[in-house]
């Protein structure tokens, strides 16, 4: 597997991957994270590409099998400024992965993407819906610590906030 920046020509494939991910999440007990709003919208994905923060994971044949948003810096995620029921581990600059999804064609796509992102910065924060047991298990497996709860502007559901520092 390899990671590369997303290009405009990938948009159709991204929409297919997110449709698969919404269905997978609903079937695994997480119907509310992306399902009700058909998240993420294509306009957001196009903006992510334009800003250079969208990435795809390709298999050995070059087929796009996963996608995610990644950015790094100091205080880059406004929704992370307020955390309840806990605290962040480190106040230094960090990386963030959002909108991680795969087409389910291979095992380990999510792990590969998160490990790649962590290798870029050595300090990451990530959040996930309280119903997203699959992502919670993956983050714990990869050594992330659950630090508290944050809220996003898209809905009123709480998100578990995780952090990992090298």
Protein backbone atom coordinates (compact mmCIF):
# COMPACT_ATOMS: atom_id res chain seq x y z
CA UNK A 1 0.00 0.00 0.00
CA UNK A 2 1.03 3.59 -0.63
CA UNK A 3 -0.23 7.02 0.33
CA UNK A 4 -0.44 9.90 -2.12
CA UNK A 5 -2.21 13.25 -2.34
CA UNK A 6 -5.74 13.06 -3.73
CA UNK A 7 -6.33 14.51 -7.19
CA UNK A 8 -9.59 15.82 -8.70
CA UNK A 9 -9.90 12.67 -10.84
CA UNK A 10 -10.25 10.63 -7.61
CA UNK A 11 -13.53 12.30 -6.57
CA UNK A 12 -15.81 9.62 -8.03
CA UNK A 13 -13.83 6.90 -6.28
CA UNK A 14 -13.90 8.82 -2.98
CA UNK A 15 -17.69 9.07 -3.18
CA UNK A 16 -17.88 5.29 -3.71
CA UNK A 17 -15.60 4.66 -0.73
CA UNK A 18 -17.61 6.95 1.55
CA UNK A 19 -20.88 5.28 0.46
CA UNK A 20 -19.36 1.91 1.35
CA UNK A 21 -18.10 3.30 4.69
CA UNK A 22 -21.52 4.72 5.63
CA UNK A 23 -23.12 1.34 4.95
CA UNK A 24 -20.39 -0.49 6.90
CA UNK A 25 -20.76 1.86 9.87
CA UNK A 26 -24.54 1.40 9.93
CA UNK A 27 -24.14 -2.38 9.85
CA UNK A 28 -21.62 -2.31 12.72
CA UNK A 29 -23.77 -0.26 15.11
CA UNK A 30 -22.76 3.26 14.07
CA UNK A 31 -25.58 4.59 11.85
CA UNK A 32 -25.46 8.20 13.07
CA UNK A 33 -21.88 9.31 12.47
CA UNK A 34 -22.10 9.92 8.71
CA UNK A 35 -25.38 8.32 7.65
CA UNK A 36 -28.07 10.93 8.40
CA UNK A 37 -26.14 13.74 6.69
CA UNK A 38 -24.63 11.62 3.89
CA UNK A 39 -21.25 12.84 5.18
CA UNK A 40 -18.87 13.98 3.84
CA UNK A 41 -20.26 16.25 1.13
CA UNK A 42 -18.50 16.37 -2.22
CA UNK A 43 -17.91 20.12 -1.93
CA UNK A 44 -15.89 19.53 1.26
CA UNK A 45 -13.83 16.80 -0.40
CA UNK A 46 -13.07 19.06 -3.36
CA UNK A 47 -11.97 21.79 -0.96
CA UNK A 48 -9.73 19.33 0.92
CA UNK A 49 -8.06 18.42 -2.38
CA UNK A 50 -7.64 22.07 -3.34
CA UNK A 51 -6.03 22.85 0.03
CA UNK A 52 -3.71 19.83 -0.26
CA UNK A 53 -5.04 18.01 2.82
CA UNK A 54 -6.74 15.03 1.18
CA UNK A 55 -4.90 11.73 0.77
CA UNK A 56 -5.65 8.36 -0.74
CA UNK A 57 -4.32 4.91 0.01
CA UNK A 58 -3.63 2.78 -3.04
CA UNK A 59 -3.06 -0.95 -3.30
CA UNK A 60 -0.17 -2.58 -5.16
CA UNK A 61 -2.09 -2.19 -8.45
CA UNK A 62 -2.53 1.56 -7.93
CA UNK A 63 -6.26 1.29 -7.16
CA UNK A 64 -7.59 3.77 -4.60
CA UNK A 65 -8.80 1.68 -1.65
CA UNK A 66 -8.89 4.26 1.14
CA UNK A 67 -8.97 7.98 1.83
CA UNK A 68 -8.51 10.46 4.65
CA UNK A 69 -7.96 14.10 5.53
CA UNK A 70 -4.66 14.99 7.22
CA UNK A 71 -3.31 18.27 8.48
CA UNK A 72 -0.71 19.22 11.07
CA UNK A 73 0.24 22.31 13.05
CA UNK A 74 -0.41 24.15 16.30
CA UNK A 75 -4.07 24.44 17.36
CA UNK A 76 -5.25 23.42 13.88
CA UNK A 77 -8.51 21.79 14.95
CA UNK A 78 -10.91 24.34 16.50
CA UNK A 79 -13.20 21.65 17.94
CA UNK A 80 -10.26 20.31 19.97
CA UNK A 81 -9.88 23.55 21.95
CA UNK A 82 -12.58 22.41 24.37
CA UNK A 83 -12.36 18.90 25.79
CA UNK A 84 -14.55 17.58 28.60
CA UNK A 85 -14.20 14.59 30.91
CA UNK A 86 -10.41 14.66 30.57
CA UNK A 87 -7.52 16.58 29.04
CA UNK A 88 -5.09 16.40 26.15
CA UNK A 89 -1.71 14.81 26.89
CA UNK A 90 0.52 17.35 25.12
CA UNK A 91 0.04 20.96 24.05
CA UNK A 92 2.57 20.94 21.19
CA UNK A 93 1.81 20.99 17.45
CA UNK A 94 -0.03 17.88 16.28
CA UNK A 95 -1.46 16.11 13.27
CA UNK A 96 -5.13 15.31 12.76
CA UNK A 97 -6.79 12.62 10.66
CA UNK A 98 -10.44 13.07 9.73
CA UNK A 99 -12.82 11.29 7.37
CA UNK A 100 -10.82 8.05 7.26
CA UNK A 101 -12.59 5.47 5.10
CA UNK A 102 -11.78 2.39 3.06
CA UNK A 103 -13.54 0.26 0.51
CA UNK A 104 -13.09 -2.85 2.68
CA UNK A 105 -11.18 -4.68 -0.04
CA UNK A 106 -8.09 -5.34 2.08
CA UNK A 107 -7.39 -5.71 5.78
CA UNK A 108 -5.30 -3.05 7.49
CA UNK A 109 -6.11 -0.02 5.32
CA UNK A 110 -7.12 2.16 8.27
CA UNK A 111 -4.07 1.10 10.27
CA UNK A 112 -1.78 1.82 7.32
CA UNK A 113 -3.23 5.32 6.86
CA UNK A 114 -3.07 6.25 10.55
CA UNK A 115 0.47 4.92 10.92
CA UNK A 116 1.54 6.90 7.84
CA UNK A 117 0.04 10.10 9.27
CA UNK A 118 1.65 9.54 12.67
CA UNK A 119 5.03 9.01 10.98
CA UNK A 120 4.69 12.48 9.43
CA UNK A 121 4.34 14.30 12.76
CA UNK A 122 4.95 12.07 15.81
CA UNK A 123 2.01 13.62 17.66
CA UNK A 124 -1.59 13.04 16.64
CA UNK A 125 -5.07 13.75 17.84
CA UNK A 126 -8.11 12.05 16.40
CA UNK A 127 -11.74 11.74 17.38
CA UNK A 128 -14.49 9.28 16.66
CA UNK A 129 -18.19 8.86 17.31
CA UNK A 130 -19.04 7.13 20.59
CA UNK A 131 -20.83 4.42 18.55
CA UNK A 132 -17.82 3.77 16.30
CA UNK A 133 -16.47 0.70 18.11
CA UNK A 134 -14.40 -0.34 15.08
CA UNK A 135 -12.37 2.90 15.11
CA UNK A 136 -12.10 2.91 18.91
CA UNK A 137 -10.61 -0.59 18.81
CA UNK A 138 -8.18 0.39 16.05
CA UNK A 139 -6.99 3.51 17.88
CA UNK A 140 -6.42 1.57 21.09
CA UNK A 141 -4.52 -1.11 19.14
CA UNK A 142 -2.29 1.60 17.63
CA UNK A 143 -1.39 3.03 21.04
CA UNK A 144 -3.70 6.05 21.17
CA UNK A 145 -5.04 7.09 24.57
CA UNK A 146 -8.61 8.21 25.07
CA UNK A 147 -8.35 11.70 26.57
CA UNK A 148 -11.94 12.91 26.89
CA UNK A 149 -14.90 14.07 24.84
CA UNK A 150 -15.17 16.74 22.15
CA UNK A 151 -18.07 17.97 20.03
CA UNK A 152 -18.09 18.80 16.33
CA UNK A 153 -20.20 21.46 14.62
CA UNK A 154 -21.87 18.98 12.22
CA UNK A 155 -24.07 17.33 14.86
CA UNK A 156 -24.72 17.08 18.59
CA UNK A 157 -23.24 13.63 19.12
CA UNK A 158 -20.23 13.46 21.47
CA UNK A 159 -16.93 12.21 20.06
CA UNK A 160 -14.24 10.36 21.97
CA UNK A 161 -10.97 12.26 21.68
CA UNK A 162 -7.74 10.28 21.33
CA UNK A 163 -4.10 11.29 21.32
CA UNK A 164 -0.74 9.66 20.68
CA UNK A 165 2.66 11.24 21.31
CA UNK A 166 5.97 9.74 20.16
